[in-house]
PDB file of N, CA and C in Angstrom:
ATOM      1  N   MET A   1     141.860  84.208 113.409  1.00  0.00           N
ATOM      2  CA  MET A   1     140.665  83.931 112.471  1.00  0.00           C
ATOM      3  C   MET A   1     139.901  83.222 113.851  1.00  0.00           C
ATOM      4  N   THR A   2     140.705  82.397 114.361  1.00  0.00           N
ATOM      5  CA  THR A   2     140.050  81.695 115.623  1.00  0.00           C
ATOM      6  C   THR A   2     139.352  82.420 116.752  1.00  0.00           C
ATOM      7  N   ALA A   3     140.086  83.629 117.084  1.00  0.00           N
ATOM      8  CA  ALA A   3     139.668  84.540 117.827  1.00  0.00           C
ATOM      9  C   ALA A   3     138.382  84.953 117.797  1.00  0.00           C
ATOM     10  N   HIS A   4     138.348  85.302 116.393  1.00  0.00           N
ATOM     11  CA  HIS A   4     136.985  86.272 116.023  1.00  0.00           C
ATOM     12  C   HIS A   4     135.901  84.998 116.239  1.00  0.00           C
ATOM     13  N   ARG A   5     135.714  83.823 116.019  1.00  0.00           N
ATOM     14  CA  ARG A   5     134.980  82.834 116.373  1.00  0.00           C
ATOM     15  C   ARG A   5     134.419  82.904 117.669  1.00  0.00           C
ATOM     16  N   GLN A   6     135.396  82.855 118.621  1.00  0.00           N
ATOM     17  CA  GLN A   6     135.207  82.540 119.926  1.00  0.00           C
ATOM     18  C   GLN A   6     135.127  83.448 120.928  1.00  0.00           C
ATOM     19  N   GLY A   7     134.618  84.805 120.361  1.00  0.00           N
ATOM     20  CA  GLY A   7     134.346  85.866 121.127  1.00  0.00           C
ATOM     21  C   GLY A   7     135.113  86.987 121.282  1.00  0.00           C
ATOM     22  N   GLY A   8     135.238  87.505 119.806  1.00  0.00           N
ATOM     23  CA  GLY A   8     135.841  88.711 119.951  1.00  0.00           C
ATOM     24  C   GLY A   8     135.333  89.833 119.735  1.00  0.00           C
ATOM     25  N   PRO A   9     135.276  91.056 119.642  1.00  0.00           N
ATOM     26  CA  PRO A   9     134.308  92.112 120.013  1.00  0.00           C
ATOM     27  C   PRO A   9     133.229  92.071 118.683  1.00  0.00           C
ATOM     28  N   ASP A  10     133.686  91.493 117.823  1.00  0.00           N
ATOM     29  CA  ASP A  10     132.505  91.615 116.391  1.00  0.00           C
ATOM     30  C   ASP A  10     131.874  90.385 116.480  1.00  0.00           C
ATOM     31  N   PHE A  11     131.919  89.326 117.313  1.00  0.00           N
ATOM     32  CA  PHE A  11     131.513  88.325 117.342  1.00  0.00           C
ATOM     33  C   PHE A  11     129.382  88.232 117.884  1.00  0.00           C
ATOM     34  N   GLU A  12     129.158  87.293 116.591  1.00  0.00           N
ATOM     35  CA  GLU A  12     127.859  87.593 116.566  1.00  0.00           C
ATOM     36  C   GLU A  12     127.166  86.002 116.901  1.00  0.00           C
ATOM     37  N   ARG A  13     126.446  85.861 117.880  1.00  0.00           N
ATOM     38  CA  ARG A  13     125.588  85.058 118.283  1.00  0.00           C
ATOM     39  C   ARG A  13     124.254  84.432 117.466  1.00  0.00           C
ATOM     40  N   ARG A  14     123.771  85.528 117.148  1.00  0.00           N
ATOM     41  CA  ARG A  14     122.484  85.305 116.574  1.00  0.00           C
ATOM     42  C   ARG A  14     123.024  84.570 115.297  1.00  0.00           C
ATOM     43  N   GLU A  15     121.902  83.369 115.014  1.00  0.00           N
ATOM     44  CA  GLU A  15     122.217  82.763 113.652  1.00  0.00           C
ATOM     45  C   GLU A  15     121.699  82.835 112.406  1.00  0.00           C
ATOM     46  N   GLY A  16     120.427  83.595 112.762  1.00  0.00           N
ATOM     47  CA  GLY A  16     119.323  83.937 112.130  1.00  0.00           C
ATOM     48  C   GLY A  16     118.259  84.825 112.684  1.00  0.00           C
ATOM     49  N   PRO A  17     117.276  85.150 112.100  1.00  0.00           N
ATOM     50  CA  PRO A  17     116.356  86.011 113.176  1.00  0.00           C
ATOM     51  C   PRO A  17     115.334  84.933 113.895  1.00  0.00           C
ATOM     52  N   ASP A  18     115.229  85.227 114.691  1.00  0.00           N
ATOM     53  CA  ASP A  18     114.737  84.476 116.227  1.00  0.00           C
ATOM     54  C   ASP A  18     113.131  84.891 116.127  1.00  0.00           C
ATOM     55  N   LEU A  19     112.507  84.653 117.188  1.00  0.00           N
ATOM     56  CA  LEU A  19     110.820  84.270 117.180  1.00  0.00           C
ATOM     57  C   LEU A  19     110.646  86.178 117.350  1.00  0.00           C
ATOM     58  N   LEU A  20     111.348  86.760 118.188  1.00  0.00           N
ATOM     59  CA  LEU A  20     110.984  88.129 118.410  1.00  0.00           C
ATOM     60  C   LEU A  20     111.388  89.045 116.884  1.00  0.00           C
ATOM     61  N   CYS A  21     112.474  88.505 116.158  1.00  0.00           N
ATOM     62  CA  CYS A  21     112.380  89.078 114.948  1.00  0.00           C
ATOM     63  C   CYS A  21     111.519  88.836 114.195  1.00  0.00           C
ATOM     64  N   ARG A  22     110.929  87.676 113.959  1.00  0.00           N
ATOM     65  CA  ARG A  22     109.991  87.829 112.803  1.00  0.00           C
ATOM     66  C   ARG A  22     108.578  87.885 113.376  1.00  0.00           C
ATOM     67  N   ALA A  23     107.995  88.339 114.905  1.00  0.00           N
ATOM     68  CA  ALA A  23     107.425  88.873 115.395  1.00  0.00           C
ATOM     69  C   ALA A  23     107.058  90.350 114.883  1.00  0.00           C
ATOM     70  N   PHE A  24     108.068  90.626 114.670  1.00  0.00           N
ATOM     71  CA  PHE A  24     107.974  92.338 113.954  1.00  0.00           C
ATOM     72  C   PHE A  24     107.360  92.490 112.849  1.00  0.00           C
ATOM     73  N   LYS A  25     107.908  91.076 111.988  1.00  0.00           N
ATOM     74  CA  LYS A  25     107.318  91.053 110.429  1.00  0.00           C
ATOM     75  C   LYS A  25     105.966  91.138 110.493  1.00  0.00           C
ATOM     76  N   TYR A  26     105.488  90.529 111.287  1.00  0.00           N
ATOM     77  CA  TYR A  26     104.257  89.759 111.410  1.00  0.00           C
ATOM     78  C   TYR A  26     103.208  90.857 112.032  1.00  0.00           C
ATOM     79  N   LEU A  27     103.677  91.396 113.047  1.00  0.00           N
ATOM     80  CA  LEU A  27     103.044  92.750 113.768  1.00  0.00           C
ATOM     81  C   LEU A  27     102.832  93.996 112.406  1.00  0.00           C
ATOM     82  N   ALA A  28     104.094  94.011 111.900  1.00  0.00           N
ATOM     83  CA  ALA A  28     103.715  94.677 111.100  1.00  0.00           C
ATOM     84  C   ALA A  28     102.697  94.955 109.807  1.00  0.00           C
ATOM     85  N   ILE A  29     102.786  93.399 109.425  1.00  0.00           N
ATOM     86  CA  ILE A  29     101.729  92.793 108.215  1.00  0.00           C
ATOM     87  C   ILE A  29     100.531  93.039 108.496  1.00  0.00           C
ATOM     88  N   THR A  30     100.259  92.651 110.028  1.00  0.00           N
ATOM     89  CA  THR A  30      99.053  92.562 110.740  1.00  0.00           C
ATOM     90  C   THR A  30      98.142  94.575 110.883  1.00  0.00           C
ATOM     91  N   ALA A  31      99.454  94.835 111.057  1.00  0.00           N
ATOM     92  CA  ALA A  31      98.977  96.345 111.215  1.00  0.00           C
ATOM     93  C   ALA A  31      98.632  97.081 110.240  1.00  0.00           C
ATOM     94  N   TRP A  32      99.335  96.595 108.650  1.00  0.00           N
ATOM     95  CA  TRP A  32      99.452  97.537 107.789  1.00  0.00           C
ATOM     96  C   TRP A  32      97.975  96.886 106.738  1.00  0.00           C
ATOM     97  N   LEU A  33      97.557  95.560 107.147  1.00  0.00           N
ATOM     98  CA  LEU A  33      96.470  95.032 106.668  1.00  0.00           C
ATOM     99  C   LEU A  33      95.238  95.688 107.404  1.00  0.00           C
ATOM    100  N   LEU A  34      95.285  95.961 108.694  1.00  0.00           N
ATOM    101  CA  LEU A  34      93.814  96.906 109.383  1.00  0.00           C
ATOM    102  C   LEU A  34      93.620  97.901 109.145  1.00  0.00           C
ATOM    103  N   PHE A  35      95.418  98.607 108.743  1.00  0.00           N
ATOM    104  CA  PHE A  35      95.151 100.320 107.671  1.00  0.00           C
ATOM    105  C   PHE A  35      94.548 100.273 106.502  1.00  0.00           C
ATOM    106  N   PHE A  36      94.591  99.150 105.901  1.00  0.00           N
ATOM    107  CA  PHE A  36      94.533  99.143 104.681  1.00  0.00           C
ATOM    108  C   PHE A  36      92.654  98.853 104.910  1.00  0.00           C
ATOM    109  N   VAL A  37      92.076  97.993 105.321  1.00  0.00           N
ATOM    110  CA  VAL A  37      90.863  97.548 105.868  1.00  0.00           C
ATOM    111  C   VAL A  37      90.059  98.975 105.995  1.00  0.00           C
ATOM    112  N   ALA A  38      90.730  99.700 106.924  1.00  0.00           N
ATOM    113  CA  ALA A  38      90.357 100.631 107.708  1.00  0.00           C
ATOM    114  C   ALA A  38      90.219 101.807 106.377  1.00  0.00           C
ATOM    115  N   LEU A  39      91.017 101.891 105.396  1.00  0.00           N
ATOM    116  CA  LEU A  39      90.987 102.733 104.450  1.00  0.00           C
ATOM    117  C   LEU A  39      90.045 102.573 103.377  1.00  0.00           C
ATOM    118  N   VAL A  40      89.461 101.229 103.505  1.00  0.00           N
ATOM    119  CA  VAL A  40      88.703 100.804 102.326  1.00  0.00           C
ATOM    120  C   VAL A  40      87.022 101.278 103.172  1.00  0.00           C
ATOM    121  N   VAL A  41      86.915 101.055 104.605  1.00  0.00           N
ATOM    122  CA  VAL A  41      85.704 101.489 105.373  1.00  0.00           C
ATOM    123  C   VAL A  41      85.604 102.722 105.485  1.00  0.00           C
ATOM    124  N   SER A  42      86.812 103.452 105.289  1.00  0.00           N
ATOM    125  CA  SER A  42      86.368 105.039 105.201  1.00  0.00           C
ATOM    126  C   SER A  42      85.936 105.443 103.834  1.00  0.00           C
ATOM    127  N   HIS A  43      86.212 105.042 102.880  1.00  0.00           N
ATOM    128  CA  HIS A  43      85.701 105.379 101.381  1.00  0.00           C
ATOM    129  C   HIS A  43      84.635 105.378 101.615  1.00  0.00           C
ATOM    130  N   TYR A  44      83.894 103.859 102.196  1.00  0.00           N
ATOM    131  CA  TYR A  44      82.105 103.936 101.725  1.00  0.00           C
ATOM    132  C   TYR A  44      81.616 104.623 103.169  1.00  0.00           C
ATOM    133  N   ALA A  45      82.364 105.120 104.410  1.00  0.00           N
ATOM    134  CA  ALA A  45      81.860 105.551 105.388  1.00  0.00           C
ATOM    135  C   ALA A  45      81.688 107.170 105.197  1.00  0.00           C
ATOM    136  N   ARG A  46      82.616 107.815 104.249  1.00  0.00           N
ATOM    137  CA  ARG A  46      82.711 109.356 104.294  1.00  0.00           C
ATOM    138  C   ARG A  46      81.511 109.901 103.832  1.00  0.00           C
ATOM    139  N   PRO A  47      81.411 111.207 103.849  1.00  0.00           N
ATOM    140  CA  PRO A  47      80.346 111.836 102.774  1.00  0.00           C
ATOM    141  C   PRO A  47      80.987 112.161 101.235  1.00  0.00           C
ATOM    142  N   GLU A  48      79.426 111.962 100.895  1.00  0.00           N
ATOM    143  CA  GLU A  48      79.543 111.759  99.303  1.00  0.00           C
ATOM    144  C   GLU A  48      80.505 113.530  98.823  1.00  0.00           C
ATOM    145  N   MET A  49      81.100 113.288  97.780  1.00  0.00           N
ATOM    146  CA  MET A  49      81.591 114.192  97.187  1.00  0.00           C
ATOM    147  C   MET A  49      80.901 115.379  96.513  1.00  0.00           C
ATOM    148  N   ASP A  50      80.770 116.441  97.068  1.00  0.00           N
ATOM    149  CA  ASP A  50      79.612 117.844  96.409  1.00  0.00           C
ATOM    150  C   ASP A  50      80.243 118.464  95.306  1.00  0.00           C
ATOM    151  N   SER A  51      79.889 117.946  93.765  1.00  0.00           N
ATOM    152  CA  SER A  51      80.803 118.808  93.147  1.00  0.00           C
ATOM    153  C   SER A  51      79.778 119.710  92.354  1.00  0.00           C
ATOM    154  N   GLY A  52      80.260 120.388  91.035  1.00  0.00           N
ATOM    155  CA  GLY A  52      79.509 121.397  90.405  1.00  0.00           C
ATOM    156  C   GLY A  52      78.280 120.513  89.380  1.00  0.00           C
ATOM    157  N   LEU A  53      78.570 119.521  89.424  1.00  0.00           N
ATOM    158  CA  LEU A  53      77.908 118.578  87.986  1.00  0.00           C
ATOM    159  C   LEU A  53      76.850 118.271  89.218  1.00  0.00           C
ATOM    160  N   VAL A  54      77.158 117.631  90.210  1.00  0.00           N
ATOM    161  CA  VAL A  54      75.913 117.110  91.198  1.00  0.00           C
ATOM    162  C   VAL A  54      75.182 118.100  91.620  1.00  0.00           C
ATOM    163  N   ARG A  55      75.552 119.620  92.088  1.00  0.00           N
ATOM    164  CA  ARG A  55      74.617 120.606  91.853  1.00  0.00           C
ATOM    165  C   ARG A  55      73.871 120.868  90.818  1.00  0.00           C
ATOM    166  N   TYR A  56      74.745 120.903  89.692  1.00  0.00           N
ATOM    167  CA  TYR A  56      73.820 121.411  88.331  1.00  0.00           C
ATOM    168  C   TYR A  56      72.723 120.439  88.335  1.00  0.00           C
ATOM    169  N   LEU A  57      72.898 119.384  88.384  1.00  0.00           N
ATOM    170  CA  LEU A  57      71.674 118.527  88.549  1.00  0.00           C
ATOM    171  C   LEU A  57      70.683 118.067  89.224  1.00  0.00           C
ATOM    172  N   GLY A  58      70.920 118.875  90.487  1.00  0.00           N
ATOM    173  CA  GLY A  58      70.317 118.706  91.303  1.00  0.00           C
ATOM    174  C   GLY A  58      70.077 117.346  92.108  1.00  0.00           C
ATOM    175  N   LEU A  59      71.250 116.621  92.240  1.00  0.00           N
ATOM    176  CA  LEU A  59      71.292 115.126  92.694  1.00  0.00           C
ATOM    177  C   LEU A  59      71.382 115.644  94.177  1.00  0.00           C
ATOM    178  N   ASP A  60      70.457 114.666  94.771  1.00  0.00           N
ATOM    179  CA  ASP A  60      70.741 114.600  96.718  1.00  0.00           C
ATOM    180  C   ASP A  60      71.856 113.929  96.856  1.00  0.00           C
ATOM    181  N   ILE A  61      72.968 114.273  97.638  1.00  0.00           N
ATOM    182  CA  ILE A  61      73.967 113.761  98.168  1.00  0.00           C
ATOM    183  C   ILE A  61      73.465 113.583  99.712  1.00  0.00           C
ATOM    184  N   ARG A  62      74.803 112.692 100.235  1.00  0.00           N
ATOM    185  CA  ARG A  62      74.769 112.529 101.884  1.00  0.00           C
ATOM    186  C   ARG A  62      75.937 113.049 101.951  1.00  0.00           C
ATOM    187  N   ASP A  63      75.774 114.123 102.977  1.00  0.00           N
ATOM    188  CA  ASP A  63      76.856 114.876 103.849  1.00  0.00           C
ATOM    189  C   ASP A  63      76.992 114.646 105.016  1.00  0.00           C
ATOM    190  N   TYR A  64      76.874 113.350 105.525  1.00  0.00           N
ATOM    191  CA  TYR A  64      77.476 113.109 106.919  1.00  0.00           C
ATOM    192  C   TYR A  64      77.997 111.522 106.965  1.00  0.00           C
ATOM    193  N   TRP A  65      78.843 111.523 107.849  1.00  0.00           N
ATOM    194  CA  TRP A  65      79.676 110.069 107.777  1.00  0.00           C
ATOM    195  C   TRP A  65      78.791 108.754 108.654  1.00  0.00           C
ATOM    196  N   ARG A  66      78.617 107.895 107.715  1.00  0.00           N
ATOM    197  CA  ARG A  66      77.765 106.864 108.041  1.00  0.00           C
ATOM    198  C   ARG A  66      78.146 106.294 109.276  1.00  0.00           C
ATOM    199  N   PRO A  67      77.034 106.278 110.436  1.00  0.00           N
ATOM    200  CA  PRO A  67      77.151 105.551 111.904  1.00  0.00           C
ATOM    201  C   PRO A  67      77.946 104.451 111.974  1.00  0.00           C
ATOM    202  N   ARG A  68      77.404 103.343 111.304  1.00  0.00           N
ATOM    203  CA  ARG A  68      77.558 102.096 111.241  1.00  0.00           C
ATOM    204  C   ARG A  68      79.327 101.729 110.881  1.00  0.00           C
ATOM    205  N   LEU A  69      79.405 102.132 110.135  1.00  0.00           N
ATOM    206  CA  LEU A  69      80.392 101.942 109.162  1.00  0.00           C
ATOM    207  C   LEU A  69      81.801 103.144 109.943  1.00  0.00           C
ATOM    208  N   THR A  70      81.396 104.352 110.568  1.00  0.00           N
ATOM    209  CA  THR A  70      82.408 105.260 111.300  1.00  0.00           C
ATOM    210  C   THR A  70      82.331 104.047 112.749  1.00  0.00           C
ATOM    211  N   PHE A  71      81.724 103.743 113.315  1.00  0.00           N
ATOM    212  CA  PHE A  71      81.955 102.861 114.360  1.00  0.00           C
ATOM    213  C   PHE A  71      82.943 101.889 113.990  1.00  0.00           C
ATOM    214  N   TRP A  72      83.018 101.040 112.723  1.00  0.00           N
ATOM    215  CA  TRP A  72      84.401 100.234 112.923  1.00  0.00           C
ATOM    216  C   TRP A  72      85.391 100.362 112.338  1.00  0.00           C
ATOM    217  N   LEU A  73      85.312 102.068 111.576  1.00  0.00           N
ATOM    218  CA  LEU A  73      86.282 102.843 111.303  1.00  0.00           C
ATOM    219  C   LEU A  73      87.168 102.606 112.254  1.00  0.00           C
ATOM    220  N   VAL A  74      86.502 103.340 113.359  1.00  0.00           N
ATOM    221  CA  VAL A  74      87.475 104.119 114.782  1.00  0.00           C
ATOM    222  C   VAL A  74      87.859 102.708 115.560  1.00  0.00           C
ATOM    223  N   TYR A  75      87.358 101.901 115.328  1.00  0.00           N
ATOM    224  CA  TYR A  75      87.771 100.456 116.043  1.00  0.00           C
ATOM    225  C   TYR A  75      88.999  99.631 115.265  1.00  0.00           C
ATOM    226  N   LEU A  76      88.823  99.899 113.936  1.00  0.00           N
ATOM    227  CA  LEU A  76      89.664  99.525 113.023  1.00  0.00           C
ATOM    228  C   LEU A  76      91.122  99.879 113.474  1.00  0.00           C
ATOM    229  N   LEU A  77      90.999 101.649 113.357  1.00  0.00           N
ATOM    230  CA  LEU A  77      92.295 102.570 113.739  1.00  0.00           C
ATOM    231  C   LEU A  77      92.534 102.654 114.957  1.00  0.00           C
ATOM    232  N   TRP A  78      91.751 102.196 115.691  1.00  0.00           N
ATOM    233  CA  TRP A  78      92.563 101.972 117.343  1.00  0.00           C
ATOM    234  C   TRP A  78      93.532 100.835 117.001  1.00  0.00           C
ATOM    235  N   GLY A  79      92.608  99.536 116.375  1.00  0.00           N
ATOM    236  CA  GLY A  79      93.342  98.106 116.430  1.00  0.00           C
ATOM    237  C   GLY A  79      95.079  98.506 115.704  1.00  0.00           C
ATOM    238  N   CYS A  80      94.810  99.186 114.745  1.00  0.00           N
ATOM    239  CA  CYS A  80      96.143  99.679 114.120  1.00  0.00           C
ATOM    240  C   CYS A  80      97.122 100.437 114.817  1.00  0.00           C
ATOM    241  N   VAL A  81      96.534 101.358 115.523  1.00  0.00           N
ATOM    242  CA  VAL A  81      97.525 102.328 116.695  1.00  0.00           C
ATOM    243  C   VAL A  81      98.118 100.989 117.533  1.00  0.00           C
ATOM    244  N   LEU A  82      97.469 100.443 118.257  1.00  0.00           N
ATOM    245  CA  LEU A  82      97.639  99.545 119.601  1.00  0.00           C
ATOM    246  C   LEU A  82      98.491  98.745 119.032  1.00  0.00           C
ATOM    247  N   VAL A  83      98.644  97.757 117.872  1.00  0.00           N
ATOM    248  CA  VAL A  83      99.423  96.919 117.202  1.00  0.00           C
ATOM    249  C   VAL A  83     100.699  97.784 116.960  1.00  0.00           C
ATOM    250  N   SER A  84     100.770  98.772 116.131  1.00  0.00           N
ATOM    251  CA  SER A  84     101.962  99.538 115.944  1.00  0.00           C
ATOM    252  C   SER A  84     102.539  99.747 117.316  1.00  0.00           C
ATOM    253  N   VAL A  85     101.819 100.303 118.178  1.00  0.00           N
ATOM    254  CA  VAL A  85     102.850 100.906 119.698  1.00  0.00           C
ATOM    255  C   VAL A  85     103.144  99.546 120.198  1.00  0.00           C
ATOM    256  N   ALA A  86     102.417  98.321 120.069  1.00  0.00           N
ATOM    257  CA  ALA A  86     103.100  97.249 120.684  1.00  0.00           C
ATOM    258  C   ALA A  86     104.402  96.920 120.073  1.00  0.00           C
ATOM    259  N   SER A  87     104.168  97.115 118.862  1.00  0.00           N
ATOM    260  CA  SER A  87     105.605  96.247 117.741  1.00  0.00           C
ATOM    261  C   SER A  87     107.001  97.500 118.059  1.00  0.00           C
ATOM    262  N   LEU A  88     106.516  98.646 118.080  1.00  0.00           N
ATOM    263  CA  LEU A  88     107.687  99.476 118.377  1.00  0.00           C
ATOM    264  C   LEU A  88     107.978  99.437 120.157  1.00  0.00           C
ATOM    265  N   LEU A  89     107.210  99.163 120.951  1.00  0.00           N
ATOM    266  CA  LEU A  89     107.572  98.709 122.276  1.00  0.00           C
ATOM    267  C   LEU A  89     108.597  97.414 122.313  1.00  0.00           C
ATOM    268  N   LEU A  90     108.198  96.459 121.491  1.00  0.00           N
ATOM    269  CA  LEU A  90     109.077  95.185 121.434  1.00  0.00           C
ATOM    270  C   LEU A  90     110.561  95.409 120.853  1.00  0.00           C
ATOM    271  N   ASN A  91     110.043  96.213 119.522  1.00  0.00           N
ATOM    272  CA  ASN A  91     111.445  96.857 119.402  1.00  0.00           C
ATOM    273  C   ASN A  91     112.112  97.477 119.915  1.00  0.00           C
ATOM    274  N   ARG A  92     111.576  98.228 120.794  1.00  0.00           N
ATOM    275  CA  ARG A  92     112.577  99.562 121.805  1.00  0.00           C
ATOM    276  C   ARG A  92     113.775  98.374 122.546  1.00  0.00           C
ATOM    277  N   LEU A  93     112.795  97.048 123.312  1.00  0.00           N
ATOM    278  CA  LEU A  93     113.231  96.062 123.819  1.00  0.00           C
ATOM    279  C   LEU A  93     114.294  95.616 123.110  1.00  0.00           C
ATOM    280  N   ARG A  94     114.160  95.604 121.975  1.00  0.00           N
ATOM    281  CA  ARG A  94     115.329  94.439 121.003  1.00  0.00           C
ATOM    282  C   ARG A  94     116.321  95.265 120.565  1.00  0.00           C
ATOM    283  N   LEU A  95     116.409  96.853 120.622  1.00  0.00           N
ATOM    284  CA  LEU A  95     117.761  97.277 120.471  1.00  0.00           C
ATOM    285  C   LEU A  95     118.758  97.233 121.249  1.00  0.00           C
ATOM    286  N   LYS A  96     119.621  96.495 120.820  1.00  0.00           N
ATOM    287  CA  LYS A  96     120.953  96.352 121.761  1.00  0.00           C
ATOM    288  C   LYS A  96     122.119  96.136 120.795  1.00  0.00           C
ATOM    289  N   ARG A  97     122.248  96.123 119.821  1.00  0.00           N
ATOM    290  CA  ARG A  97     123.443  96.328 118.842  1.00  0.00           C
ATOM    291  C   ARG A  97     123.276  97.279 117.915  1.00  0.00           C
ATOM    292  N   ARG A  98     124.622  97.393 117.238  1.00  0.00           N
ATOM    293  CA  ARG A  98     124.646  98.483 115.949  1.00  0.00           C
ATOM    294  C   ARG A  98     124.008  98.219 115.047  1.00  0.00           C
ATOM    295  N   GLY A  99     123.641  96.724 114.664  1.00  0.00           N
ATOM    296  CA  GLY A  99     123.030  96.166 113.533  1.00  0.00           C
ATOM    297  C   GLY A  99     121.612  96.658 113.559  1.00  0.00           C
ATOM    298  N   ASP A 100     121.214  96.560 114.789  1.00  0.00           N
ATOM    299  CA  ASP A 100     119.730  96.447 115.246  1.00  0.00           C
ATOM    300  C   ASP A 100     119.227  98.196 114.721  1.00  0.00           C
ATOM    301  N   HIS A 101     118.008  97.909 114.075  1.00  0.00           N
ATOM    302  CA  HIS A 101     117.457  99.470 113.544  1.00  0.00           C
ATOM    303  C   HIS A 101     115.771  99.112 114.224  1.00  0.00           C
ATOM    304  N   LEU A 102     115.328 100.541 114.104  1.00  0.00           N
ATOM    305  CA  LEU A 102     114.089 101.336 114.193  1.00  0.00           C
ATOM    306  C   LEU A 102     113.130 101.030 112.764  1.00  0.00           C
ATOM    307  N   HIS A 103     111.921 100.241 112.764  1.00  0.00           N
ATOM    308  CA  HIS A 103     111.217  99.915 111.626  1.00  0.00           C
ATOM    309  C   HIS A 103     110.907 101.030 111.611  1.00  0.00           C
ATOM    310  N   PHE A 104     110.964 102.237 110.267  1.00  0.00           N
ATOM    311  CA  PHE A 104     110.304 103.445 110.110  1.00  0.00           C
ATOM    312  C   PHE A 104     109.090 103.555 109.512  1.00  0.00           C
ATOM    313  N   ASN A 105     108.623 101.943 109.113  1.00  0.00           N
ATOM    314  CA  ASN A 105     107.197 101.905 108.337  1.00  0.00           C
ATOM    315  C   ASN A 105     106.226 101.766 109.889  1.00  0.00           C
ATOM    316  N   ILE A 106     106.707 101.191 110.829  1.00  0.00           N
ATOM    317  CA  ILE A 106     105.706 101.066 111.777  1.00  0.00           C
ATOM    318  C   ILE A 106     105.539 102.571 112.455  1.00  0.00           C
ATOM    319  N   ILE A 107     106.767 103.541 112.220  1.00  0.00           N
ATOM    320  CA  ILE A 107     106.309 104.700 112.806  1.00  0.00           C
ATOM    321  C   ILE A 107     105.468 105.936 111.796  1.00  0.00           C
ATOM    322  N   LEU A 108     105.545 105.285 110.397  1.00  0.00           N
ATOM    323  CA  LEU A 108     104.715 106.080 109.863  1.00  0.00           C
ATOM    324  C   LEU A 108     103.484 105.459 109.619  1.00  0.00           C
ATOM    325  N   LEU A 109     103.242 103.989 109.995  1.00  0.00           N
ATOM    326  CA  LEU A 109     101.835 103.954 110.418  1.00  0.00           C
ATOM    327  C   LEU A 109     101.360 104.487 111.469  1.00  0.00           C
ATOM    328  N   LEU A 110     101.815 104.491 112.194  1.00  0.00           N
ATOM    329  CA  LEU A 110     101.199 104.946 113.592  1.00  0.00           C
ATOM    330  C   LEU A 110     101.196 106.400 113.285  1.00  0.00           C
ATOM    331  N   LEU A 111     101.771 107.076 112.479  1.00  0.00           N
ATOM    332  CA  LEU A 111     101.213 108.425 112.668  1.00  0.00           C
ATOM    333  C   LEU A 111     100.328 108.855 111.437  1.00  0.00           C
ATOM    334  N   SER A 112     100.008 107.956 111.044  1.00  0.00           N
ATOM    335  CA  SER A 112      99.125 107.986 110.008  1.00  0.00           C
ATOM    336  C   SER A 112      97.575 107.261 110.548  1.00  0.00           C
ATOM    337  N   ALA A 113      97.440 106.501 110.949  1.00  0.00           N
ATOM    338  CA  ALA A 113      96.703 105.824 111.982  1.00  0.00           C
ATOM    339  C   ALA A 113      96.242 107.049 112.843  1.00  0.00           C
ATOM    340  N   SER A 114      96.665 107.663 114.099  1.00  0.00           N
ATOM    341  CA  SER A 114      96.644 108.045 114.712  1.00  0.00           C
ATOM    342  C   SER A 114      96.305 109.501 114.110  1.00  0.00           C
ATOM    343  N   GLY A 115      96.494 109.933 113.110  1.00  0.00           N
ATOM    344  CA  GLY A 115      96.128 111.182 112.573  1.00  0.00           C
ATOM    345  C   GLY A 115      94.782 110.991 111.666  1.00  0.00           C
ATOM    346  N   MET A 116      94.646 109.833 111.026  1.00  0.00           N
ATOM    347  CA  MET A 116      93.066 109.628 110.673  1.00  0.00           C
ATOM    348  C   MET A 116      91.947 109.766 111.870  1.00  0.00           C
ATOM    349  N   LEU A 117      92.648 108.910 112.939  1.00  0.00           N
ATOM    350  CA  LEU A 117      91.729 108.806 114.092  1.00  0.00           C
ATOM    351  C   LEU A 117      91.470 110.092 114.630  1.00  0.00           C
ATOM    352  N   PHE A 118      92.338 110.723 114.964  1.00  0.00           N
ATOM    353  CA  PHE A 118      92.050 112.199 115.470  1.00  0.00           C
ATOM    354  C   PHE A 118      91.195 113.242 114.877  1.00  0.00           C
ATOM    355  N   TYR A 119      91.357 112.955 113.368  1.00  0.00           N
ATOM    356  CA  TYR A 119      90.308 113.198 112.296  1.00  0.00           C
ATOM    357  C   TYR A 119      89.006 112.912 112.271  1.00  0.00           C
ATOM    358  N   ILE A 120      89.017 111.611 112.574  1.00  0.00           N
ATOM    359  CA  ILE A 120      87.126 111.130 112.546  1.00  0.00           C
ATOM    360  C   ILE A 120      86.617 111.526 113.992  1.00  0.00           C
ATOM    361  N   VAL A 121      87.436 111.519 114.846  1.00  0.00           N
ATOM    362  CA  VAL A 121      87.105 111.700 116.393  1.00  0.00           C
ATOM    363  C   VAL A 121      86.741 113.120 116.549  1.00  0.00           C
ATOM    364  N   ARG A 122      87.481 113.817 116.346  1.00  0.00           N
ATOM    365  CA  ARG A 122      87.326 115.265 116.514  1.00  0.00           C
ATOM    366  C   ARG A 122      86.052 116.031 116.204  1.00  0.00           C
TER     367      ARG A 122
END
């Protein structure tokens, strides 16, 4: 029992989450908030939907992206991508023990934000 405490093969020196582990959590929250704001901005920036009722009533609809909101949308998505990449790089540097793991939600966020950015910019 005392050999385990003094430095056996399963000896864990970490007593709790350190600053870097807490930084992962805060970076993930920041990135998800940026993505959520980008989704709200994209709702107001996108073209209006052309449905059968709109065509029947002869209503005018906007068929283009609003330039000012699209400008902000692109920067929000780039911010989300950069924060996600920074979080992944820090996490990659931190992966040293068997109990450490790669955060799947950051990978999913990076793929979603970069896909949306590719769709907007193309």
